[in-house]
Amino acid sequence: MNVVVFGVGLSLLVAPLTTAVLGAVDDSHVGTASATNTAVARVAGLLATALLPLAAGMTGAGPIDRATFAGGFARAMWLCAALCGVGAVVAWSMIKRPLLSAA
């Protein structure tokens, strides 16, 4: 079930994000925009993988039993959901709306 949720999330977010990034630049800058988009996504993934367990209280200082791991995982997922919500609000507030002409 987790793989299905992950796949649906990626299909709903990655393709539209890439389309928005590449559609926001001139044709002469599409390569640079694509490279920047990819680099930012990779760095964000690395940071999330490295910092999310720490933020969820899973420091690895000692052995972790199943209950501790499950609790830390749940905290990490709630933290991810909250960060996605914050990102959605920031994106919504910063997207320029096109002016509609009266027809």
PDB file of N, CA and C in Angstrom:
ATOM      1  N   MET A   1       0.824  -1.195   0.000  1.00  0.00           N
ATOM      2  CA  MET A   1       0.000   0.000   0.000  1.00  0.00           C
ATOM      3  C   MET A   1       0.869   1.261   0.000  1.00  0.00           C
ATOM      4  N   ASN A   2       1.983   1.231   0.733  1.00  0.00           N
ATOM      5  CA  ASN A   2       2.864   2.399   0.778  1.00  0.00           C
ATOM      6  C   ASN A   2       3.404   2.739  -0.602  1.00  0.00           C
ATOM      7  N   VAL A   3       3.707   1.719  -1.393  1.00  0.00           N
ATOM      8  CA  VAL A   3       4.247   1.958  -2.724  1.00  0.00           C
ATOM      9  C   VAL A   3       3.198   2.628  -3.616  1.00  0.00           C
ATOM     10  N   VAL A   4       1.941   2.245  -3.443  1.00  0.00           N
ATOM     11  CA  VAL A   4       0.863   2.850  -4.231  1.00  0.00           C
ATOM     12  C   VAL A   4       0.726   4.326  -3.871  1.00  0.00           C
ATOM     13  N   VAL A   5       0.724   4.626  -2.579  1.00  0.00           N
ATOM     14  CA  VAL A   5       0.620   6.018  -2.135  1.00  0.00           C
ATOM     15  C   VAL A   5       1.810   6.817  -2.652  1.00  0.00           C
ATOM     16  N   PHE A   6       2.994   6.241  -2.579  1.00  0.00           N
ATOM     17  CA  PHE A   6       4.198   6.915  -3.072  1.00  0.00           C
ATOM     18  C   PHE A   6       4.091   7.183  -4.568  1.00  0.00           C
ATOM     19  N   GLY A   7       3.655   6.186  -5.329  1.00  0.00           N
ATOM     20  CA  GLY A   7       3.510   6.344  -6.777  1.00  0.00           C
ATOM     21  C   GLY A   7       2.479   7.393  -7.153  1.00  0.00           C
ATOM     22  N   VAL A   8       1.348   7.400  -6.450  1.00  0.00           N
ATOM     23  CA  VAL A   8       0.313   8.402  -6.724  1.00  0.00           C
ATOM     24  C   VAL A   8       0.835   9.798  -6.383  1.00  0.00           C
ATOM     25  N   GLY A   9       1.519   9.914  -5.249  1.00  0.00           N
ATOM     26  CA  GLY A   9       2.069  11.210  -4.857  1.00  0.00           C
ATOM     27  C   GLY A   9       3.070  11.732  -5.862  1.00  0.00           C
ATOM     28  N   LEU A  10       3.954  10.868  -6.333  1.00  0.00           N
ATOM     29  CA  LEU A  10       4.942  11.298  -7.329  1.00  0.00           C
ATOM     30  C   LEU A  10       4.276  11.716  -8.632  1.00  0.00           C
ATOM     31  N   SER A  11       3.281  10.941  -9.065  1.00  0.00           N
ATOM     32  CA  SER A  11       2.635  11.278 -10.332  1.00  0.00           C
ATOM     33  C   SER A  11       1.840  12.573 -10.231  1.00  0.00           C
ATOM     34  N   LEU A  12       1.317  12.877  -9.046  1.00  0.00           N
ATOM     35  CA  LEU A  12       0.554  14.105  -8.867  1.00  0.00           C
ATOM     36  C   LEU A  12       1.442  15.335  -8.680  1.00  0.00           C
ATOM     37  N   LEU A  13       2.674  15.151  -8.232  1.00  0.00           N
ATOM     38  CA  LEU A  13       3.522  16.294  -7.902  1.00  0.00           C
ATOM     39  C   LEU A  13       4.678  16.530  -8.867  1.00  0.00           C
ATOM     40  N   VAL A  14       5.376  15.481  -9.255  1.00  0.00           N
ATOM     41  CA  VAL A  14       6.616  15.668 -10.012  1.00  0.00           C
ATOM     42  C   VAL A  14       6.358  16.179 -11.426  1.00  0.00           C
ATOM     43  N   ALA A  15       5.459  15.562 -12.145  1.00  0.00           N
ATOM     44  CA  ALA A  15       5.207  15.994 -13.525  1.00  0.00           C
ATOM     45  C   ALA A  15       4.658  17.424 -13.590  1.00  0.00           C
ATOM     46  N   PRO A  16       3.665  17.791 -12.780  1.00  0.00           N
ATOM     47  CA  PRO A  16       3.204  19.185 -12.837  1.00  0.00           C
ATOM     48  C   PRO A  16       4.274  20.188 -12.411  1.00  0.00           C
ATOM     49  N   LEU A  17       5.096  19.817 -11.434  1.00  0.00           N
ATOM     50  CA  LEU A  17       6.158  20.720 -11.008  1.00  0.00           C
ATOM     51  C   LEU A  17       7.159  20.941 -12.134  1.00  0.00           C
ATOM     52  N   THR A  18       7.566  19.875 -12.782  1.00  0.00           N
ATOM     53  CA  THR A  18       8.507  19.993 -13.895  1.00  0.00           C
ATOM     54  C   THR A  18       7.893  20.811 -15.028  1.00  0.00           C
ATOM     55  N   THR A  19       6.625  20.578 -15.316  1.00  0.00           N
ATOM     56  CA  THR A  19       5.943  21.340 -16.355  1.00  0.00           C
ATOM     57  C   THR A  19       5.889  22.823 -15.999  1.00  0.00           C
ATOM     58  N   ALA A  20       5.595  23.122 -14.749  1.00  0.00           N
ATOM     59  CA  ALA A  20       5.536  24.521 -14.315  1.00  0.00           C
ATOM     60  C   ALA A  20       6.900  25.191 -14.417  1.00  0.00           C
ATOM     61  N   VAL A  21       7.941  24.485 -14.001  1.00  0.00           N
ATOM     62  CA  VAL A  21       9.289  25.058 -14.053  1.00  0.00           C
ATOM     63  C   VAL A  21       9.701  25.317 -15.496  1.00  0.00           C
ATOM     64  N   LEU A  22       9.510  24.339 -16.353  1.00  0.00           N
ATOM     65  CA  LEU A  22       9.945  24.493 -17.738  1.00  0.00           C
ATOM     66  C   LEU A  22       9.053  25.448 -18.519  1.00  0.00           C
ATOM     67  N   GLY A  23       7.797  25.576 -18.118  1.00  0.00           N
ATOM     68  CA  GLY A  23       6.901  26.501 -18.791  1.00  0.00           C
ATOM     69  C   GLY A  23       7.096  27.944 -18.366  1.00  0.00           C
ATOM     70  N   ALA A  24       7.808  28.153 -17.271  1.00  0.00           N
ATOM     71  CA  ALA A  24       7.990  29.513 -16.744  1.00  0.00           C
ATOM     72  C   ALA A  24       9.209  30.222 -17.320  1.00  0.00           C
ATOM     73  N   VAL A  25       9.981  29.545 -18.145  1.00  0.00           N
ATOM     74  CA  VAL A  25      11.196  30.163 -18.685  1.00  0.00           C
ATOM     75  C   VAL A  25      11.125  30.216 -20.206  1.00  0.00           C
ATOM     76  N   ASP A  26      11.966  31.078 -20.780  1.00  0.00           N
ATOM     77  CA  ASP A  26      12.067  31.161 -22.236  1.00  0.00           C
ATOM     78  C   ASP A  26      12.669  29.871 -22.779  1.00  0.00           C
ATOM     79  N   ASP A  27      12.405  29.605 -24.047  1.00  0.00           N
ATOM     80  CA  ASP A  27      12.922  28.389 -24.674  1.00  0.00           C
ATOM     81  C   ASP A  27      14.441  28.315 -24.620  1.00  0.00           C
ATOM     82  N   SER A  28      15.107  29.443 -24.626  1.00  0.00           N
ATOM     83  CA  SER A  28      16.573  29.439 -24.615  1.00  0.00           C
ATOM     84  C   SER A  28      17.137  29.037 -23.251  1.00  0.00           C
ATOM     85  N   HIS A  29      16.299  29.032 -22.211  1.00  0.00           N
ATOM     86  CA  HIS A  29      16.768  28.706 -20.863  1.00  0.00           C
ATOM     87  C   HIS A  29      16.191  27.390 -20.323  1.00  0.00           C
ATOM     88  N   VAL A  30      15.545  26.608 -21.175  1.00  0.00           N
ATOM     89  CA  VAL A  30      14.897  25.377 -20.718  1.00  0.00           C
ATOM     90  C   VAL A  30      15.908  24.384 -20.165  1.00  0.00           C
ATOM     91  N   GLY A  31      17.060  24.278 -20.787  1.00  0.00           N
ATOM     92  CA  GLY A  31      18.089  23.352 -20.304  1.00  0.00           C
ATOM     93  C   GLY A  31      18.584  23.723 -18.917  1.00  0.00           C
ATOM     94  N   THR A  32      18.822  24.995 -18.705  1.00  0.00           N
ATOM     95  CA  THR A  32      19.264  25.464 -17.391  1.00  0.00           C
ATOM     96  C   THR A  32      18.175  25.263 -16.348  1.00  0.00           C
ATOM     97  N   ALA A  33      16.929  25.535 -16.713  1.00  0.00           N
ATOM     98  CA  ALA A  33      15.815  25.338 -15.774  1.00  0.00           C
ATOM     99  C   ALA A  33      15.657  23.872 -15.413  1.00  0.00           C
ATOM    100  N   SER A  34      15.795  22.991 -16.387  1.00  0.00           N
ATOM    101  CA  SER A  34      15.687  21.558 -16.123  1.00  0.00           C
ATOM    102  C   SER A  34      16.809  21.081 -15.208  1.00  0.00           C
ATOM    103  N   ALA A  35      18.025  21.544 -15.478  1.00  0.00           N
ATOM    104  CA  ALA A  35      19.166  21.157 -14.639  1.00  0.00           C
ATOM    105  C   ALA A  35      19.008  21.679 -13.220  1.00  0.00           C
ATOM    106  N   THR A  36      18.547  22.909 -13.089  1.00  0.00           N
ATOM    107  CA  THR A  36      18.337  23.490 -11.758  1.00  0.00           C
ATOM    108  C   THR A  36      17.251  22.740 -11.013  1.00  0.00           C
ATOM    109  N   ASN A  37      16.162  22.419 -11.693  1.00  0.00           N
ATOM    110  CA  ASN A  37      15.070  21.660 -11.086  1.00  0.00           C
ATOM    111  C   ASN A  37      15.556  20.297 -10.593  1.00  0.00           C
ATOM    112  N   THR A  38      16.336  19.624 -11.406  1.00  0.00           N
ATOM    113  CA  THR A  38      16.866  18.313 -11.025  1.00  0.00           C
ATOM    114  C   THR A  38      17.837  18.424  -9.850  1.00  0.00           C
ATOM    115  N   ALA A  39      18.717  19.399  -9.891  1.00  0.00           N
ATOM    116  CA  ALA A  39      19.695  19.573  -8.812  1.00  0.00           C
ATOM    117  C   ALA A  39      19.006  19.889  -7.493  1.00  0.00           C
ATOM    118  N   VAL A  40      18.022  20.776  -7.526  1.00  0.00           N
ATOM    119  CA  VAL A  40      17.306  21.124  -6.298  1.00  0.00           C
ATOM    120  C   VAL A  40      16.558  19.908  -5.754  1.00  0.00           C
ATOM    121  N   ALA A  41      15.944  19.131  -6.633  1.00  0.00           N
ATOM    122  CA  ALA A  41      15.223  17.928  -6.196  1.00  0.00           C
ATOM    123  C   ALA A  41      16.178  16.923  -5.556  1.00  0.00           C
ATOM    124  N   ARG A  42      17.344  16.734  -6.142  1.00  0.00           N
ATOM    125  CA  ARG A  42      18.325  15.786  -5.577  1.00  0.00           C
ATOM    126  C   ARG A  42      18.837  16.244  -4.222  1.00  0.00           C
ATOM    127  N   VAL A  43      19.176  17.510  -4.113  1.00  0.00           N
ATOM    128  CA  VAL A  43      19.684  18.038  -2.838  1.00  0.00           C
ATOM    129  C   VAL A  43      18.600  17.965  -1.770  1.00  0.00           C
ATOM    130  N   ALA A  44      17.377  18.301  -2.136  1.00  0.00           N
ATOM    131  CA  ALA A  44      16.271  18.227  -1.174  1.00  0.00           C
ATOM    132  C   ALA A  44      16.051  16.785  -0.711  1.00  0.00           C
ATOM    133  N   GLY A  45      16.149  15.840  -1.629  1.00  0.00           N
ATOM    134  CA  GLY A  45      16.006  14.436  -1.253  1.00  0.00           C
ATOM    135  C   GLY A  45      17.105  13.981  -0.305  1.00  0.00           C
ATOM    136  N   LEU A  46      18.328  14.407  -0.575  1.00  0.00           N
ATOM    137  CA  LEU A  46      19.441  14.059   0.307  1.00  0.00           C
ATOM    138  C   LEU A  46      19.277  14.673   1.692  1.00  0.00           C
ATOM    139  N   LEU A  47      18.882  15.938   1.727  1.00  0.00           N
ATOM    140  CA  LEU A  47      18.676  16.591   3.020  1.00  0.00           C
ATOM    141  C   LEU A  47      17.531  15.943   3.800  1.00  0.00           C
ATOM    142  N   ALA A  48      16.458  15.617   3.099  1.00  0.00           N
ATOM    143  CA  ALA A  48      15.328  14.970   3.776  1.00  0.00           C
ATOM    144  C   ALA A  48      15.733  13.612   4.337  1.00  0.00           C
ATOM    145  N   THR A  49      16.493  12.859   3.563  1.00  0.00           N
ATOM    146  CA  THR A  49      16.930  11.542   4.028  1.00  0.00           C
ATOM    147  C   THR A  49      17.861  11.657   5.235  1.00  0.00           C
ATOM    148  N   ALA A  50      18.681  12.685   5.252  1.00  0.00           N
ATOM    149  CA  ALA A  50      19.639  12.847   6.342  1.00  0.00           C
ATOM    150  C   ALA A  50      19.021  13.492   7.581  1.00  0.00           C
ATOM    151  N   LEU A  51      18.144  14.472   7.394  1.00  0.00           N
ATOM    152  CA  LEU A  51      17.665  15.261   8.532  1.00  0.00           C
ATOM    153  C   LEU A  51      16.317  14.816   9.096  1.00  0.00           C
ATOM    154  N   LEU A  52      15.490  14.177   8.292  1.00  0.00           N
ATOM    155  CA  LEU A  52      14.165  13.797   8.765  1.00  0.00           C
ATOM    156  C   LEU A  52      14.204  12.836   9.947  1.00  0.00           C
ATOM    157  N   PRO A  53      15.051  11.814   9.941  1.00  0.00           N
ATOM    158  CA  PRO A  53      15.105  10.954  11.134  1.00  0.00           C
ATOM    159  C   PRO A  53      15.521  11.724  12.392  1.00  0.00           C
ATOM    160  N   LEU A  54      16.444  12.646  12.245  1.00  0.00           N
ATOM    161  CA  LEU A  54      16.850  13.446  13.404  1.00  0.00           C
ATOM    162  C   LEU A  54      15.702  14.300  13.911  1.00  0.00           C
ATOM    163  N   ALA A  55      14.971  14.915  12.996  1.00  0.00           N
ATOM    164  CA  ALA A  55      13.835  15.752  13.391  1.00  0.00           C
ATOM    165  C   ALA A  55      12.730  14.927  14.036  1.00  0.00           C
ATOM    166  N   ALA A  56      12.633  13.656  13.678  1.00  0.00           N
ATOM    167  CA  ALA A  56      11.604  12.775  14.243  1.00  0.00           C
ATOM    168  C   ALA A  56      12.064  12.122  15.540  1.00  0.00           C
ATOM    169  N   GLY A  57      13.278  12.430  15.978  1.00  0.00           N
ATOM    170  CA  GLY A  57      13.772  11.882  17.234  1.00  0.00           C
ATOM    171  C   GLY A  57      14.454  10.531  17.110  1.00  0.00           C
ATOM    172  N   MET A  58      14.815  10.154  15.896  1.00  0.00           N
ATOM    173  CA  MET A  58      15.490   8.870  15.666  1.00  0.00           C
ATOM    174  C   MET A  58      16.971   9.142  15.430  1.00  0.00           C
ATOM    175  N   THR A  59      17.707   9.307  16.515  1.00  0.00           N
ATOM    176  CA  THR A  59      19.100   9.720  16.402  1.00  0.00           C
ATOM    177  C   THR A  59      20.050   8.566  16.127  1.00  0.00           C
ATOM    178  N   GLY A  60      19.642   7.353  16.386  1.00  0.00           N
ATOM    179  CA  GLY A  60      20.520   6.218  16.190  1.00  0.00           C
ATOM    180  C   GLY A  60      21.554   6.082  17.283  1.00  0.00           C
ATOM    181  N   ALA A  61      21.335   6.748  18.419  1.00  0.00           N
ATOM    182  CA  ALA A  61      22.289   6.710  19.522  1.00  0.00           C
ATOM    183  C   ALA A  61      22.334   5.338  20.184  1.00  0.00           C
ATOM    184  N   GLY A  62      21.305   4.576  20.025  1.00  0.00           N
ATOM    185  CA  GLY A  62      21.260   3.253  20.621  1.00  0.00           C
ATOM    186  C   GLY A  62      20.381   2.344  19.789  1.00  0.00           C
ATOM    187  N   PRO A  63      20.193   1.128  20.268  1.00  0.00           N
ATOM    188  CA  PRO A  63      19.327   0.212  19.513  1.00  0.00           C
ATOM    189  C   PRO A  63      17.880   0.724  19.498  1.00  0.00           C
ATOM    190  N   ILE A  64      17.235   0.512  18.368  1.00  0.00           N
ATOM    191  CA  ILE A  64      15.857   0.975  18.201  1.00  0.00           C
ATOM    192  C   ILE A  64      14.966  -0.254  18.074  1.00  0.00           C
ATOM    193  N   ASP A  65      13.990  -0.359  18.980  1.00  0.00           N
ATOM    194  CA  ASP A  65      13.053  -1.471  18.879  1.00  0.00           C
ATOM    195  C   ASP A  65      11.924  -1.092  17.920  1.00  0.00           C
ATOM    196  N   ARG A  66      11.039  -2.035  17.658  1.00  0.00           N
ATOM    197  CA  ARG A  66       9.973  -1.814  16.682  1.00  0.00           C
ATOM    198  C   ARG A  66       9.041  -0.675  17.081  1.00  0.00           C
ATOM    199  N   ALA A  67       8.693  -0.597  18.337  1.00  0.00           N
ATOM    200  CA  ALA A  67       7.758   0.444  18.792  1.00  0.00           C
ATOM    201  C   ALA A  67       8.382   1.826  18.645  1.00  0.00           C
ATOM    202  N   THR A  68       9.650   1.955  18.990  1.00  0.00           N
ATOM    203  CA  THR A  68      10.337   3.238  18.857  1.00  0.00           C
ATOM    204  C   THR A  68      10.441   3.634  17.390  1.00  0.00           C
ATOM    205  N   PHE A  69      10.777   2.664  16.538  1.00  0.00           N
ATOM    206  CA  PHE A  69      10.887   2.940  15.113  1.00  0.00           C
ATOM    207  C   PHE A  69       9.537   3.352  14.538  1.00  0.00           C
ATOM    208  N   ALA A  70       8.480   2.640  14.907  1.00  0.00           N
ATOM    209  CA  ALA A  70       7.141   2.955  14.404  1.00  0.00           C
ATOM    210  C   ALA A  70       6.707   4.345  14.855  1.00  0.00           C
ATOM    211  N   GLY A  71       6.988   4.698  16.097  1.00  0.00           N
ATOM    212  CA  GLY A  71       6.650   6.029  16.584  1.00  0.00           C
ATOM    213  C   GLY A  71       7.428   7.112  15.869  1.00  0.00           C
ATOM    214  N   GLY A  72       8.717   6.879  15.657  1.00  0.00           N
ATOM    215  CA  GLY A  72       9.549   7.847  14.932  1.00  0.00           C
ATOM    216  C   GLY A  72       9.126   7.981  13.484  1.00  0.00           C
ATOM    217  N   PHE A  73       8.762   6.863  12.876  1.00  0.00           N
ATOM    218  CA  PHE A  73       8.304   6.896  11.486  1.00  0.00           C
ATOM    219  C   PHE A  73       7.012   7.697  11.365  1.00  0.00           C
ATOM    220  N   ALA A  74       6.095   7.479  12.304  1.00  0.00           N
ATOM    221  CA  ALA A  74       4.830   8.227  12.282  1.00  0.00           C
ATOM    222  C   ALA A  74       5.094   9.731  12.448  1.00  0.00           C
ATOM    223  N   ARG A  75       5.989  10.088  13.371  1.00  0.00           N
ATOM    224  CA  ARG A  75       6.339  11.507  13.544  1.00  0.00           C
ATOM    225  C   ARG A  75       6.957  12.076  12.272  1.00  0.00           C
ATOM    226  N   ALA A  76       7.817  11.291  11.636  1.00  0.00           N
ATOM    227  CA  ALA A  76       8.463  11.751  10.401  1.00  0.00           C
ATOM    228  C   ALA A  76       7.440  11.983   9.301  1.00  0.00           C
ATOM    229  N   MET A  77       6.457  11.111   9.184  1.00  0.00           N
ATOM    230  CA  MET A  77       5.445  11.271   8.145  1.00  0.00           C
ATOM    231  C   MET A  77       4.543  12.474   8.416  1.00  0.00           C
ATOM    232  N   TRP A  78       4.211  12.701   9.693  1.00  0.00           N
ATOM    233  CA  TRP A  78       3.425  13.900  10.026  1.00  0.00           C
ATOM    234  C   TRP A  78       4.229  15.164   9.750  1.00  0.00           C
ATOM    235  N   LEU A  79       5.514  15.111  10.028  1.00  0.00           N
ATOM    236  CA  LEU A  79       6.381  16.250   9.736  1.00  0.00           C
ATOM    237  C   LEU A  79       6.443  16.503   8.231  1.00  0.00           C
ATOM    238  N   CYS A  80       6.551  15.430   7.453  1.00  0.00           N
ATOM    239  CA  CYS A  80       6.547  15.579   5.987  1.00  0.00           C
ATOM    240  C   CYS A  80       5.239  16.186   5.503  1.00  0.00           C
ATOM    241  N   ALA A  81       4.132  15.721   6.054  1.00  0.00           N
ATOM    242  CA  ALA A  81       2.828  16.253   5.656  1.00  0.00           C
ATOM    243  C   ALA A  81       2.732  17.739   5.996  1.00  0.00           C
ATOM    244  N   ALA A  82       3.216  18.115   7.167  1.00  0.00           N
ATOM    245  CA  ALA A  82       3.174  19.525   7.561  1.00  0.00           C
ATOM    246  C   ALA A  82       4.053  20.368   6.636  1.00  0.00           C
ATOM    247  N   LEU A  83       5.227  19.870   6.314  1.00  0.00           N
ATOM    248  CA  LEU A  83       6.111  20.604   5.412  1.00  0.00           C
ATOM    249  C   LEU A  83       5.521  20.719   4.013  1.00  0.00           C
ATOM    250  N   CYS A  84       4.840  19.684   3.553  1.00  0.00           N
ATOM    251  CA  CYS A  84       4.168  19.764   2.249  1.00  0.00           C
ATOM    252  C   CYS A  84       3.063  20.811   2.286  1.00  0.00           C
ATOM    253  N   GLY A  85       2.338  20.872   3.405  1.00  0.00           N
ATOM    254  CA  GLY A  85       1.303  21.900   3.548  1.00  0.00           C
ATOM    255  C   GLY A  85       1.885  23.293   3.523  1.00  0.00           C
ATOM    256  N   VAL A  86       2.981  23.488   4.222  1.00  0.00           N
ATOM    257  CA  VAL A  86       3.648  24.796   4.221  1.00  0.00           C
ATOM    258  C   VAL A  86       4.125  25.129   2.807  1.00  0.00           C
ATOM    259  N   GLY A  87       4.695  24.147   2.133  1.00  0.00           N
ATOM    260  CA  GLY A  87       5.143  24.366   0.759  1.00  0.00           C
ATOM    261  C   GLY A  87       3.997  24.725  -0.171  1.00  0.00           C
ATOM    262  N   ALA A  88       2.842  24.101   0.023  1.00  0.00           N
ATOM    263  CA  ALA A  88       1.672  24.414  -0.803  1.00  0.00           C
ATOM    264  C   ALA A  88       1.212  25.848  -0.565  1.00  0.00           C
ATOM    265  N   VAL A  89       1.205  26.268   0.692  1.00  0.00           N
ATOM    266  CA  VAL A  89       0.792  27.640   1.003  1.00  0.00           C
ATOM    267  C   VAL A  89       1.778  28.644   0.401  1.00  0.00           C
ATOM    268  N   VAL A  90       3.058  28.370   0.524  1.00  0.00           N
ATOM    269  CA  VAL A  90       4.066  29.270  -0.043  1.00  0.00           C
ATOM    270  C   VAL A  90       3.926  29.331  -1.564  1.00  0.00           C
ATOM    271  N   ALA A  91       3.765  28.169  -2.194  1.00  0.00           N
ATOM    272  CA  ALA A  91       3.621  28.153  -3.653  1.00  0.00           C
ATOM    273  C   ALA A  91       2.365  28.899  -4.083  1.00  0.00           C
ATOM    274  N   TRP A  92       1.256  28.674  -3.385  1.00  0.00           N
ATOM    275  CA  TRP A  92       0.003  29.348  -3.736  1.00  0.00           C
ATOM    276  C   TRP A  92       0.134  30.858  -3.605  1.00  0.00           C
ATOM    277  N   SER A  93       0.846  31.290  -2.589  1.00  0.00           N
ATOM    278  CA  SER A  93       0.964  32.733  -2.366  1.00  0.00           C
ATOM    279  C   SER A  93       1.935  33.404  -3.335  1.00  0.00           C
ATOM    280  N   MET A  94       2.816  32.641  -3.951  1.00  0.00           N
ATOM    281  CA  MET A  94       3.830  33.236  -4.815  1.00  0.00           C
ATOM    282  C   MET A  94       3.558  33.063  -6.304  1.00  0.00           C
ATOM    283  N   ILE A  95       2.602  32.249  -6.664  1.00  0.00           N
ATOM    284  CA  ILE A  95       2.313  32.045  -8.082  1.00  0.00           C
ATOM    285  C   ILE A  95       1.606  33.276  -8.614  1.00  0.00           C
ATOM    286  N   LYS A  96       2.108  33.791  -9.705  1.00  0.00           N
ATOM    287  CA  LYS A  96       1.494  34.957 -10.332  1.00  0.00           C
ATOM    288  C   LYS A  96       0.271  34.503 -11.121  1.00  0.00           C
ATOM    289  N   ARG A  97      -0.808  35.183 -10.915  1.00  0.00           N
ATOM    290  CA  ARG A  97      -2.036  34.862 -11.632  1.00  0.00           C
ATOM    291  C   ARG A  97      -2.094  35.719 -12.887  1.00  0.00           C
ATOM    292  N   PRO A  98      -2.383  35.095 -14.030  1.00  0.00           N
ATOM    293  CA  PRO A  98      -2.446  35.885 -15.261  1.00  0.00           C
ATOM    294  C   PRO A  98      -3.667  36.808 -15.240  1.00  0.00           C
ATOM    295  N   LEU A  99      -3.496  37.962 -15.832  1.00  0.00           N
ATOM    296  CA  LEU A  99      -4.618  38.898 -15.949  1.00  0.00           C
ATOM    297  C   LEU A  99      -5.561  38.406 -17.032  1.00  0.00           C
ATOM    298  N   LEU A 100      -6.823  38.338 -16.718  1.00  0.00           N
ATOM    299  CA  LEU A 100      -7.807  37.893 -17.693  1.00  0.00           C
ATOM    300  C   LEU A 100      -8.355  39.115 -18.418  1.00  0.00           C
ATOM    301  N   SER A 101      -8.377  39.042 -19.711  1.00  0.00           N
ATOM    302  CA  SER A 101      -8.908  40.161 -20.481  1.00  0.00           C
ATOM    303  C   SER A 101     -10.421  40.000 -20.625  1.00  0.00           C
ATOM    304  N   ALA A 102     -11.126  41.100 -20.617  1.00  0.00           N
ATOM    305  CA  ALA A 102     -12.578  41.047 -20.788  1.00  0.00           C
ATOM    306  C   ALA A 102     -12.900  40.692 -22.215  1.00  0.00           C
ATOM    307  N   ALA A 103     -13.726  39.694 -22.370  1.00  0.00           N
ATOM    308  CA  ALA A 103     -14.062  39.241 -23.724  1.00  0.00           C
ATOM    309  C   ALA A 103     -15.367  39.830 -24.183  1.00  0.00           C
TER     310      ALA A 103
END
